[in-house]
PDB file of N, CA and C in Angstrom:
ATOM      1  N   GLN A   1      13.251 -14.912   3.282  1.00  0.00           N
ATOM      2  CA  GLN A   1      12.884 -13.290   3.573  1.00  0.00           C
ATOM      3  C   GLN A   1      11.577 -12.822   4.208  1.00  0.00           C
ATOM      4  N   PHE A   2      10.576 -13.462   3.205  1.00  0.00           N
ATOM      5  CA  PHE A   2       9.231 -13.270   3.567  1.00  0.00           C
ATOM      6  C   PHE A   2       8.780 -14.339   4.553  1.00  0.00           C
ATOM      7  N   GLY A   3       9.312 -15.264   4.712  1.00  0.00           N
ATOM      8  CA  GLY A   3       8.470 -16.677   5.749  1.00  0.00           C
ATOM      9  C   GLY A   3       7.858 -17.302   5.135  1.00  0.00           C
ATOM     10  N   LYS A   4       7.050 -18.125   5.655  1.00  0.00           N
ATOM     11  CA  LYS A   4       6.094 -19.103   5.254  1.00  0.00           C
ATOM     12  C   LYS A   4       4.857 -18.562   4.783  1.00  0.00           C
ATOM     13  N   PRO A   5       3.703 -18.277   3.712  1.00  0.00           N
ATOM     14  CA  PRO A   5       2.514 -17.937   3.525  1.00  0.00           C
ATOM     15  C   PRO A   5       2.075 -18.303   4.358  1.00  0.00           C
ATOM     16  N   GLN A   6       0.884 -18.006   5.051  1.00  0.00           N
ATOM     17  CA  GLN A   6      -0.153 -17.835   6.011  1.00  0.00           C
ATOM     18  C   GLN A   6      -1.316 -18.817   5.183  1.00  0.00           C
ATOM     19  N   LYS A   7      -1.748 -18.145   4.150  1.00  0.00           N
ATOM     20  CA  LYS A   7      -3.316 -18.502   3.696  1.00  0.00           C
ATOM     21  C   LYS A   7      -2.779 -18.353   1.868  1.00  0.00           C
ATOM     22  N   VAL A   8      -3.341 -19.653   1.139  1.00  0.00           N
ATOM     23  CA  VAL A   8      -3.017 -19.397  -0.006  1.00  0.00           C
ATOM     24  C   VAL A   8      -4.913 -18.863  -1.338  1.00  0.00           C
ATOM     25  N   ILE A   9      -5.168 -17.740  -1.640  1.00  0.00           N
ATOM     26  CA  ILE A   9      -5.724 -17.467  -1.969  1.00  0.00           C
ATOM     27  C   ILE A   9      -5.982 -17.270  -3.900  1.00  0.00           C
ATOM     28  N   THR A  10      -7.010 -18.475  -4.436  1.00  0.00           N
ATOM     29  CA  THR A  10      -7.335 -18.993  -5.581  1.00  0.00           C
ATOM     30  C   THR A  10      -8.425 -18.226  -5.944  1.00  0.00           C
ATOM     31  N   ASP A  11      -9.023 -18.010  -6.888  1.00  0.00           N
ATOM     32  CA  ASP A  11     -10.090 -17.986  -7.989  1.00  0.00           C
ATOM     33  C   ASP A  11     -11.162 -19.235  -7.585  1.00  0.00           C
ATOM     34  N   GLN A  12     -12.521 -19.012  -8.234  1.00  0.00           N
ATOM     35  CA  GLN A  12     -13.297 -20.158  -7.600  1.00  0.00           C
ATOM     36  C   GLN A  12     -13.239 -21.254  -8.241  1.00  0.00           C
ATOM     37  N   ALA A  13     -12.724 -21.724  -9.366  1.00  0.00           N
ATOM     38  CA  ALA A  13     -13.022 -22.535  -9.938  1.00  0.00           C
ATOM     39  C   ALA A  13     -13.288 -23.854  -9.368  1.00  0.00           C
ATOM     40  N   PRO A  14     -13.453 -24.909  -9.699  1.00  0.00           N
ATOM     41  CA  PRO A  14     -13.969 -26.375  -9.065  1.00  0.00           C
ATOM     42  C   PRO A  14     -12.777 -26.773  -9.034  1.00  0.00           C
ATOM     43  N   SER A  15     -11.417 -26.869  -9.949  1.00  0.00           N
ATOM     44  CA  SER A  15     -10.897 -27.776 -10.115  1.00  0.00           C
ATOM     45  C   SER A  15      -9.384 -26.982  -9.656  1.00  0.00           C
ATOM     46  N   THR A  16      -9.422 -26.311  -8.852  1.00  0.00           N
ATOM     47  CA  THR A  16      -8.737 -25.393  -8.031  1.00  0.00           C
ATOM     48  C   THR A  16      -9.293 -26.021  -7.066  1.00  0.00           C
ATOM     49  N   LYS A  17     -10.734 -25.839  -6.378  1.00  0.00           N
ATOM     50  CA  LYS A  17     -10.482 -26.000  -4.867  1.00  0.00           C
ATOM     51  C   LYS A  17     -10.163 -27.866  -4.752  1.00  0.00           C
ATOM     52  N   VAL A  18     -10.262 -28.877  -5.649  1.00  0.00           N
ATOM     53  CA  VAL A  18     -10.182 -29.073  -5.608  1.00  0.00           C
ATOM     54  C   VAL A  18      -8.728 -30.384  -5.304  1.00  0.00           C
ATOM     55  N   ALA A  19      -7.802 -29.382  -6.247  1.00  0.00           N
ATOM     56  CA  ALA A  19      -6.205 -29.379  -6.258  1.00  0.00           C
ATOM     57  C   ALA A  19      -5.729 -29.205  -5.138  1.00  0.00           C
ATOM     58  N   MET A  20      -6.411 -28.210  -4.277  1.00  0.00           N
ATOM     59  CA  MET A  20      -6.056 -27.836  -2.638  1.00  0.00           C
ATOM     60  C   MET A  20      -6.798 -28.486  -1.632  1.00  0.00           C
ATOM     61  N   ALA A  21      -7.172 -29.371  -1.731  1.00  0.00           N
ATOM     62  CA  ALA A  21      -8.016 -29.581  -0.813  1.00  0.00           C
ATOM     63  C   ALA A  21      -7.221 -31.056  -0.811  1.00  0.00           C
ATOM     64  N   LYS A  22      -6.514 -31.334  -2.253  1.00  0.00           N
ATOM     65  CA  LYS A  22      -5.647 -32.498  -2.317  1.00  0.00           C
ATOM     66  C   LYS A  22      -4.187 -32.088  -1.193  1.00  0.00           C
ATOM     67  N   VAL A  23      -3.786 -30.639  -1.944  1.00  0.00           N
ATOM     68  CA  VAL A  23      -2.364 -30.359  -1.034  1.00  0.00           C
ATOM     69  C   VAL A  23      -2.664 -30.477   0.403  1.00  0.00           C
ATOM     70  N   ILE A  24      -3.613 -30.079   0.821  1.00  0.00           N
ATOM     71  CA  ILE A  24      -4.069 -29.181   2.087  1.00  0.00           C
ATOM     72  C   ILE A  24      -4.017 -31.101   3.201  1.00  0.00           C
ATOM     73  N   LYS A  25      -4.235 -32.323   2.388  1.00  0.00           N
ATOM     74  CA  LYS A  25      -4.566 -33.346   3.279  1.00  0.00           C
ATOM     75  C   LYS A  25      -3.112 -33.619   2.526  1.00  0.00           C
ATOM     76  N   ALA A  26      -2.517 -34.137   1.219  1.00  0.00           N
ATOM     77  CA  ALA A  26      -1.026 -34.343   1.695  1.00  0.00           C
ATOM     78  C   ALA A  26      -0.321 -33.859   2.194  1.00  0.00           C
ATOM     79  N   PHE A  27      -0.276 -32.382   2.819  1.00  0.00           N
ATOM     80  CA  PHE A  27       0.525 -31.792   3.442  1.00  0.00           C
ATOM     81  C   PHE A  27       0.442 -31.529   4.864  1.00  0.00           C
ATOM     82  N   LYS A  28      -0.700 -32.162   5.605  1.00  0.00           N
ATOM     83  CA  LYS A  28      -1.457 -31.797   6.913  1.00  0.00           C
ATOM     84  C   LYS A  28      -1.067 -30.464   6.755  1.00  0.00           C
ATOM     85  N   LEU A  29      -1.742 -29.227   6.056  1.00  0.00           N
ATOM     86  CA  LEU A  29      -1.890 -27.829   6.340  1.00  0.00           C
ATOM     87  C   LEU A  29      -3.553 -28.270   7.340  1.00  0.00           C
ATOM     88  N   LYS A  30      -3.400 -26.836   7.613  1.00  0.00           N
ATOM     89  CA  LYS A  30      -4.635 -26.185   8.337  1.00  0.00           C
ATOM     90  C   LYS A  30      -5.685 -25.937   7.176  1.00  0.00           C
ATOM     91  N   PRO A  31      -6.807 -26.542   7.713  1.00  0.00           N
ATOM     92  CA  PRO A  31      -8.520 -26.029   6.626  1.00  0.00           C
ATOM     93  C   PRO A  31      -8.305 -24.421   6.504  1.00  0.00           C
ATOM     94  N   ASP A  32      -8.244 -23.702   6.974  1.00  0.00           N
ATOM     95  CA  ASP A  32      -8.351 -22.525   6.794  1.00  0.00           C
ATOM     96  C   ASP A  32      -6.746 -21.631   6.203  1.00  0.00           C
ATOM     97  N   CYS A  33      -6.308 -22.891   5.755  1.00  0.00           N
ATOM     98  CA  CYS A  33      -5.130 -21.920   5.577  1.00  0.00           C
ATOM     99  C   CYS A  33      -5.474 -21.508   3.470  1.00  0.00           C
ATOM    100  N   HIS A  34      -6.515 -22.029   2.870  1.00  0.00           N
ATOM    101  CA  HIS A  34      -7.081 -21.876   1.556  1.00  0.00           C
ATOM    102  C   HIS A  34      -8.089 -20.908   1.663  1.00  0.00           C
ATOM    103  N   CYS A  35      -8.386 -19.935   0.930  1.00  0.00           N
ATOM    104  CA  CYS A  35      -9.533 -18.894   0.530  1.00  0.00           C
ATOM    105  C   CYS A  35      -9.483 -18.706  -0.658  1.00  0.00           C
ATOM    106  N   THR A  36     -11.181 -18.995  -0.804  1.00  0.00           N
ATOM    107  CA  THR A  36     -11.457 -18.641  -2.333  1.00  0.00           C
ATOM    108  C   THR A  36     -11.912 -17.167  -2.338  1.00  0.00           C
ATOM    109  N   SER A  37     -11.239 -16.564  -3.206  1.00  0.00           N
ATOM    110  CA  SER A  37     -12.167 -14.761  -3.750  1.00  0.00           C
ATOM    111  C   SER A  37     -11.596 -14.583  -4.591  1.00  0.00           C
ATOM    112  N   LYS A  38     -12.992 -14.338  -5.415  1.00  0.00           N
ATOM    113  CA  LYS A  38     -12.764 -13.936  -6.695  1.00  0.00           C
ATOM    114  C   LYS A  38     -12.039 -12.699  -7.078  1.00  0.00           C
ATOM    115  N   TYR A  39     -12.071 -11.280  -5.971  1.00  0.00           N
ATOM    116  CA  TYR A  39     -11.439  -9.911  -5.808  1.00  0.00           C
ATOM    117  C   TYR A  39     -10.037 -10.206  -5.208  1.00  0.00           C
ATOM    118  N   LEU A  40      -9.811 -11.228  -4.308  1.00  0.00           N
ATOM    119  CA  LEU A  40      -8.595 -11.079  -4.058  1.00  0.00           C
ATOM    120  C   LEU A  40      -7.428 -11.114  -5.274  1.00  0.00           C
ATOM    121  N   ASN A  41      -7.972 -12.266  -5.688  1.00  0.00           N
ATOM    122  CA  ASN A  41      -6.975 -13.203  -6.254  1.00  0.00           C
ATOM    123  C   ASN A  41      -6.994 -12.230  -7.855  1.00  0.00           C
ATOM    124  N   ASN A  42      -7.686 -11.423  -8.646  1.00  0.00           N
ATOM    125  CA  ASN A  42      -8.042 -10.504  -9.448  1.00  0.00           C
ATOM    126  C   ASN A  42      -6.871 -10.186  -9.199  1.00  0.00           C
ATOM    127  N   LEU A  43      -6.560  -8.983  -7.881  1.00  0.00           N
ATOM    128  CA  LEU A  43      -5.631  -8.205  -7.435  1.00  0.00           C
ATOM    129  C   LEU A  43      -4.476  -8.028  -7.764  1.00  0.00           C
ATOM    130  N   ILE A  44      -3.946  -9.796  -7.580  1.00  0.00           N
ATOM    131  CA  ILE A  44      -2.653 -10.383  -7.288  1.00  0.00           C
ATOM    132  C   ILE A  44      -3.026 -10.331  -8.815  1.00  0.00           C
ATOM    133  N   GLU A  45      -3.603 -11.554  -9.540  1.00  0.00           N
ATOM    134  CA  GLU A  45      -3.210 -11.439 -11.111  1.00  0.00           C
ATOM    135  C   GLU A  45      -2.993 -10.529 -11.869  1.00  0.00           C
ATOM    136  N   GLN A  46      -3.554  -9.515 -11.585  1.00  0.00           N
ATOM    137  CA  GLN A  46      -3.660  -7.996 -12.317  1.00  0.00           C
ATOM    138  C   GLN A  46      -1.925  -7.484 -12.709  1.00  0.00           C
ATOM    139  N   ASP A  47      -1.131  -8.007 -11.837  1.00  0.00           N
ATOM    140  CA  ASP A  47       0.521  -7.272 -12.170  1.00  0.00           C
ATOM    141  C   ASP A  47       0.576  -8.178 -12.523  1.00  0.00           C
ATOM    142  N   HIS A  48      -0.062  -9.362 -12.715  1.00  0.00           N
ATOM    143  CA  HIS A  48       0.877 -10.329 -14.297  1.00  0.00           C
ATOM    144  C   HIS A  48       0.463  -9.826 -15.928  1.00  0.00           C
ATOM    145  N   ARG A  49      -0.346  -9.141 -15.919  1.00  0.00           N
ATOM    146  CA  ARG A  49      -1.037  -9.777 -17.108  1.00  0.00           C
ATOM    147  C   ARG A  49      -0.638  -9.557 -17.661  1.00  0.00           C
ATOM    148  N   HIS A  50       0.476  -8.702 -18.165  1.00  0.00           N
ATOM    149  CA  HIS A  50       1.274  -8.698 -19.454  1.00  0.00           C
ATOM    150  C   HIS A  50       2.058  -9.379 -20.028  1.00  0.00           C
ATOM    151  N   ILE A  51       2.365 -10.053 -18.954  1.00  0.00           N
ATOM    152  CA  ILE A  51       3.285 -11.473 -19.482  1.00  0.00           C
ATOM    153  C   ILE A  51       1.719 -12.658 -19.955  1.00  0.00           C
ATOM    154  N   LYS A  52       0.950 -12.535 -19.550  1.00  0.00           N
ATOM    155  CA  LYS A  52      -0.479 -13.308 -20.297  1.00  0.00           C
ATOM    156  C   LYS A  52      -0.914 -13.591 -21.405  1.00  0.00           C
ATOM    157  N   VAL A  53      -0.992 -12.544 -21.774  1.00  0.00           N
ATOM    158  CA  VAL A  53      -1.142 -12.103 -23.932  1.00  0.00           C
ATOM    159  C   VAL A  53       0.243 -12.726 -24.148  1.00  0.00           C
ATOM    160  N   ARG A  54      -0.167 -13.403 -25.577  1.00  0.00           N
ATOM    161  CA  ARG A  54      -0.082 -14.805 -26.534  1.00  0.00           C
ATOM    162  C   ARG A  54       1.692 -14.401 -26.615  1.00  0.00           C
ATOM    163  N   LYS A  55       2.524 -14.458 -26.859  1.00  0.00           N
ATOM    164  CA  LYS A  55       3.455 -13.871 -27.474  1.00  0.00           C
ATOM    165  C   LYS A  55       3.828 -14.779 -28.977  1.00  0.00           C
ATOM    166  N   THR A  56       5.195 -14.761 -29.230  1.00  0.00           N
ATOM    167  CA  THR A  56       5.036 -15.446 -31.100  1.00  0.00           C
ATOM    168  C   THR A  56       6.372 -16.659 -30.379  1.00  0.00           C
ATOM    169  N   ARG A  57       6.124 -17.329 -31.319  1.00  0.00           N
ATOM    170  CA  ARG A  57       6.411 -18.439 -30.462  1.00  0.00           C
ATOM    171  C   ARG A  57       8.274 -18.583 -30.557  1.00  0.00           C
ATOM    172  N   TYR A  58       8.516 -18.927 -29.772  1.00  0.00           N
ATOM    173  CA  TYR A  58      10.139 -19.412 -29.247  1.00  0.00           C
ATOM    174  C   TYR A  58      10.382 -20.359 -30.215  1.00  0.00           C
ATOM    175  N   GLN A  59      11.817 -20.541 -30.259  1.00  0.00           N
ATOM    176  CA  GLN A  59      12.506 -21.405 -30.800  1.00  0.00           C
ATOM    177  C   GLN A  59      13.041 -22.123 -29.903  1.00  0.00           C
ATOM    178  N   SER A  60      13.435 -21.952 -28.412  1.00  0.00           N
ATOM    179  CA  SER A  60      14.043 -22.724 -27.178  1.00  0.00           C
ATOM    180  C   SER A  60      13.333 -21.923 -26.111  1.00  0.00           C
ATOM    181  N   ILE A  61      13.360 -22.681 -24.910  1.00  0.00           N
ATOM    182  CA  ILE A  61      12.609 -22.762 -23.607  1.00  0.00           C
ATOM    183  C   ILE A  61      13.845 -21.255 -22.966  1.00  0.00           C
ATOM    184  N   ASN A  62      15.320 -20.763 -23.290  1.00  0.00           N
ATOM    185  CA  ASN A  62      16.404 -20.315 -23.395  1.00  0.00           C
ATOM    186  C   ASN A  62      15.427 -18.616 -23.778  1.00  0.00           C
ATOM    187  N   THR A  63      15.139 -18.545 -25.133  1.00  0.00           N
ATOM    188  CA  THR A  63      14.579 -17.578 -25.791  1.00  0.00           C
ATOM    189  C   THR A  63      13.468 -17.604 -25.190  1.00  0.00           C
ATOM    190  N   ALA A  64      12.367 -17.658 -24.814  1.00  0.00           N
ATOM    191  CA  ALA A  64      10.679 -17.577 -23.832  1.00  0.00           C
ATOM    192  C   ALA A  64      11.658 -17.077 -22.999  1.00  0.00           C
ATOM    193  N   LYS A  65      12.814 -17.431 -22.278  1.00  0.00           N
ATOM    194  CA  LYS A  65      13.013 -17.285 -20.528  1.00  0.00           C
ATOM    195  C   LYS A  65      13.695 -16.073 -20.505  1.00  0.00           C
ATOM    196  N   ASN A  66      14.688 -15.599 -21.166  1.00  0.00           N
ATOM    197  CA  ASN A  66      15.281 -14.169 -20.859  1.00  0.00           C
ATOM    198  C   ASN A  66      14.441 -13.231 -21.475  1.00  0.00           C
ATOM    199  N   THR A  67      13.465 -13.402 -22.564  1.00  0.00           N
ATOM    200  CA  THR A  67      12.449 -12.425 -23.268  1.00  0.00           C
ATOM    201  C   THR A  67      11.238 -12.361 -22.031  1.00  0.00           C
ATOM    202  N   LEU A  68      10.972 -12.882 -21.422  1.00  0.00           N
ATOM    203  CA  LEU A  68       9.736 -12.978 -20.049  1.00  0.00           C
ATOM    204  C   LEU A  68      10.689 -12.625 -18.824  1.00  0.00           C
ATOM    205  N   LYS A  69      12.169 -12.644 -18.775  1.00  0.00           N
ATOM    206  CA  LYS A  69      12.365 -11.434 -17.023  1.00  0.00           C
ATOM    207  C   LYS A  69      12.833 -10.585 -18.075  1.00  0.00           C
ATOM    208  N   GLY A  70      12.949 -10.147 -18.859  1.00  0.00           N
ATOM    209  CA  GLY A  70      13.262  -8.427 -19.697  1.00  0.00           C
ATOM    210  C   GLY A  70      11.856  -7.633 -19.585  1.00  0.00           C
ATOM    211  N   ILE A  71      11.159  -9.105 -19.766  1.00  0.00           N
ATOM    212  CA  ILE A  71      10.045  -7.982 -20.140  1.00  0.00           C
ATOM    213  C   ILE A  71       8.926  -7.711 -17.868  1.00  0.00           C
ATOM    214  N   GLU A  72       9.411  -8.409 -17.343  1.00  0.00           N
ATOM    215  CA  GLU A  72       9.524  -8.631 -15.463  1.00  0.00           C
ATOM    216  C   GLU A  72      10.300  -7.462 -15.352  1.00  0.00           C
ATOM    217  N   CYS A  73      11.608  -7.232 -15.650  1.00  0.00           N
ATOM    218  CA  CYS A  73      12.450  -6.160 -15.224  1.00  0.00           C
ATOM    219  C   CYS A  73      12.225  -4.698 -15.795  1.00  0.00           C
ATOM    220  N   ILE A  74      11.223  -5.044 -16.871  1.00  0.00           N
ATOM    221  CA  ILE A  74      10.828  -3.301 -17.324  1.00  0.00           C
ATOM    222  C   ILE A  74      10.254  -3.143 -17.253  1.00  0.00           C
ATOM    223  N   TYR A  75       9.017  -3.199 -16.831  1.00  0.00           N
ATOM    224  CA  TYR A  75       8.049  -3.370 -15.339  1.00  0.00           C
ATOM    225  C   TYR A  75       8.163  -3.589 -14.136  1.00  0.00           C
ATOM    226  N   ALA A  76       9.346  -4.157 -13.822  1.00  0.00           N
ATOM    227  CA  ALA A  76       9.489  -3.599 -12.082  1.00  0.00           C
ATOM    228  C   ALA A  76      10.243  -2.724 -12.202  1.00  0.00           C
ATOM    229  N   LEU A  77      10.975  -1.717 -12.922  1.00  0.00           N
ATOM    230  CA  LEU A  77      11.213  -0.702 -13.147  1.00  0.00           C
ATOM    231  C   LEU A  77       9.671   0.712 -12.352  1.00  0.00           C
ATOM    232  N   TYR A  78       8.674   0.239 -13.110  1.00  0.00           N
ATOM    233  CA  TYR A  78       8.015   1.396 -13.358  1.00  0.00           C
ATOM    234  C   TYR A  78       7.245   1.054 -11.586  1.00  0.00           C
ATOM    235  N   LYS A  79       7.688  -0.115 -10.755  1.00  0.00           N
ATOM    236  CA  LYS A  79       6.757   0.151 -10.251  1.00  0.00           C
ATOM    237  C   LYS A  79       7.804   0.375  -8.656  1.00  0.00           C
ATOM    238  N   LYS A  80       7.464   1.562  -8.349  1.00  0.00           N
ATOM    239  CA  LYS A  80       8.852   2.203  -7.040  1.00  0.00           C
ATOM    240  C   LYS A  80       8.816   1.102  -5.532  1.00  0.00           C
ATOM    241  N   ASN A  81       8.241   0.567  -5.685  1.00  0.00           N
ATOM    242  CA  ASN A  81       8.221  -0.042  -4.417  1.00  0.00           C
ATOM    243  C   ASN A  81       8.859  -1.669  -4.882  1.00  0.00           C
ATOM    244  N   ARG A  82       9.821  -1.382  -5.675  1.00  0.00           N
ATOM    245  CA  ARG A  82      10.490  -2.655  -6.390  1.00  0.00           C
ATOM    246  C   ARG A  82      11.403  -2.487  -6.670  1.00  0.00           C
ATOM    247  N   ARG A  83      11.712  -1.631  -6.732  1.00  0.00           N
ATOM    248  CA  ARG A  83      13.340  -1.375  -7.142  1.00  0.00           C
ATOM    249  C   ARG A  83      14.179  -1.621  -5.856  1.00  0.00           C
ATOM    250  N   SER A  84      14.365  -2.374  -5.067  1.00  0.00           N
ATOM    251  CA  SER A  84      15.370  -2.618  -4.099  1.00  0.00           C
ATOM    252  C   SER A  84      14.861  -4.002  -3.761  1.00  0.00           C
ATOM    253  N   LEU A  85      13.976  -4.005  -3.914  1.00  0.00           N
ATOM    254  CA  LEU A  85      13.114  -5.714  -3.923  1.00  0.00           C
ATOM    255  C   LEU A  85      13.883  -7.037  -4.514  1.00  0.00           C
ATOM    256  N   GLN A  86      13.852  -7.323  -3.990  1.00  0.00           N
ATOM    257  CA  GLN A  86      14.865  -9.054  -4.344  1.00  0.00           C
ATOM    258  C   GLN A  86      14.021 -10.039  -4.240  1.00  0.00           C
ATOM    259  N   ILE A  87      13.315 -10.600  -5.611  1.00  0.00           N
ATOM    260  CA  ILE A  87      12.616 -11.415  -6.027  1.00  0.00           C
ATOM    261  C   ILE A  87      13.359 -12.861  -6.176  1.00  0.00           C
ATOM    262  N   TYR A  88      13.324 -14.235  -5.457  1.00  0.00           N
ATOM    263  CA  TYR A  88      13.812 -15.084  -5.611  1.00  0.00           C
ATOM    264  C   TYR A  88      15.312 -14.681  -6.260  1.00  0.00           C
ATOM    265  N   GLY A  89      16.122 -13.371  -6.049  1.00  0.00           N
ATOM    266  CA  GLY A  89      16.997 -13.698  -6.062  1.00  0.00           C
ATOM    267  C   GLY A  89      16.934 -12.783  -7.450  1.00  0.00           C
ATOM    268  N   PHE A  90      16.195 -12.174  -7.792  1.00  0.00           N
ATOM    269  CA  PHE A  90      16.486 -11.141  -9.242  1.00  0.00           C
ATOM    270  C   PHE A  90      15.699  -9.754  -8.080  1.00  0.00           C
ATOM    271  N   SER A  91      16.705  -8.804  -9.112  1.00  0.00           N
ATOM    272  CA  SER A  91      16.730  -7.678  -8.973  1.00  0.00           C
ATOM    273  C   SER A  91      16.371  -6.863 -10.191  1.00  0.00           C
ATOM    274  N   PRO A  92      15.205  -6.004 -10.349  1.00  0.00           N
ATOM    275  CA  PRO A  92      15.267  -5.690 -11.559  1.00  0.00           C
ATOM    276  C   PRO A  92      16.661  -4.301 -12.204  1.00  0.00           C
ATOM    277  N   CYS A  93      16.771  -3.445 -10.838  1.00  0.00           N
ATOM    278  CA  CYS A  93      17.794  -2.423 -11.398  1.00  0.00           C
ATOM    279  C   CYS A  93      18.757  -3.119 -10.998  1.00  0.00           C
ATOM    280  N   HIS A  94      19.508  -4.485 -10.511  1.00  0.00           N
ATOM    281  CA  HIS A  94      20.702  -5.230 -11.097  1.00  0.00           C
ATOM    282  C   HIS A  94      20.941  -5.425 -12.698  1.00  0.00           C
ATOM    283  N   GLU A  95      19.139  -5.855 -13.429  1.00  0.00           N
ATOM    284  CA  GLU A  95      19.713  -6.597 -14.145  1.00  0.00           C
ATOM    285  C   GLU A  95      19.568  -5.616 -15.588  1.00  0.00           C
ATOM    286  N   ILE A  96      19.068  -4.070 -15.220  1.00  0.00           N
ATOM    287  CA  ILE A  96      19.424  -2.940 -15.888  1.00  0.00           C
ATOM    288  C   ILE A  96      21.135  -2.647 -15.970  1.00  0.00           C
ATOM    289  N   SER A  97      21.032  -2.471 -14.965  1.00  0.00           N
ATOM    290  CA  SER A  97      22.593  -2.140 -14.990  1.00  0.00           C
ATOM    291  C   SER A  97      23.874  -2.514 -14.970  1.00  0.00           C
ATOM    292  N   ILE A  98      23.070  -4.179 -15.553  1.00  0.00           N
ATOM    293  CA  ILE A  98      24.108  -5.241 -16.296  1.00  0.00           C
ATOM    294  C   ILE A  98      24.124  -4.961 -17.317  1.00  0.00           C
ATOM    295  N   MET A  99      23.057  -4.673 -17.955  1.00  0.00           N
ATOM    296  CA  MET A  99      22.415  -4.999 -19.480  1.00  0.00           C
ATOM    297  C   MET A  99      23.074  -3.344 -20.001  1.00  0.00           C
ATOM    298  N   LEU A 100      22.978  -2.164 -18.951  1.00  0.00           N
ATOM    299  CA  LEU A 100      23.625  -1.269 -19.510  1.00  0.00           C
ATOM    300  C   LEU A 100      25.004  -1.311 -19.229  1.00  0.00           C
ATOM    301  N   ALA A 101      25.635  -2.179 -19.182  1.00  0.00           N
ATOM    302  CA  ALA A 101      26.864  -2.374 -18.715  1.00  0.00           C
ATOM    303  C   ALA A 101      27.362  -2.844 -20.023  1.00  0.00           C
ATOM    304  N   SER A 102      26.747  -4.134 -20.890  1.00  0.00           N
ATOM    305  CA  SER A 102      27.079  -4.672 -21.338  1.00  0.00           C
ATOM    306  C   SER A 102      27.053  -4.229 -22.811  1.00  0.00           C
TER     307      SER A 102
END
């Protein structure tokens, strides 16, 4: 739907630079496809800060998956530009309509 990414933006951590160098070499990518920017990456990561907080421990991976899916669904409803957007086959409005129907 969105096509192949043109650039990968990460923070300036040394381990990330080393890992990306290995990925670029292994997949024979262009050397300029990796960009390190503290501020650009923060804009992207701030969208998921509500998920990064520590949650209670879960009994199974399915419980954790369903909880995170619900959190993403609720937060996506607040973002008007994502109402009709399907990310990896996941539409927040479709998920809410399924939850309300049951």
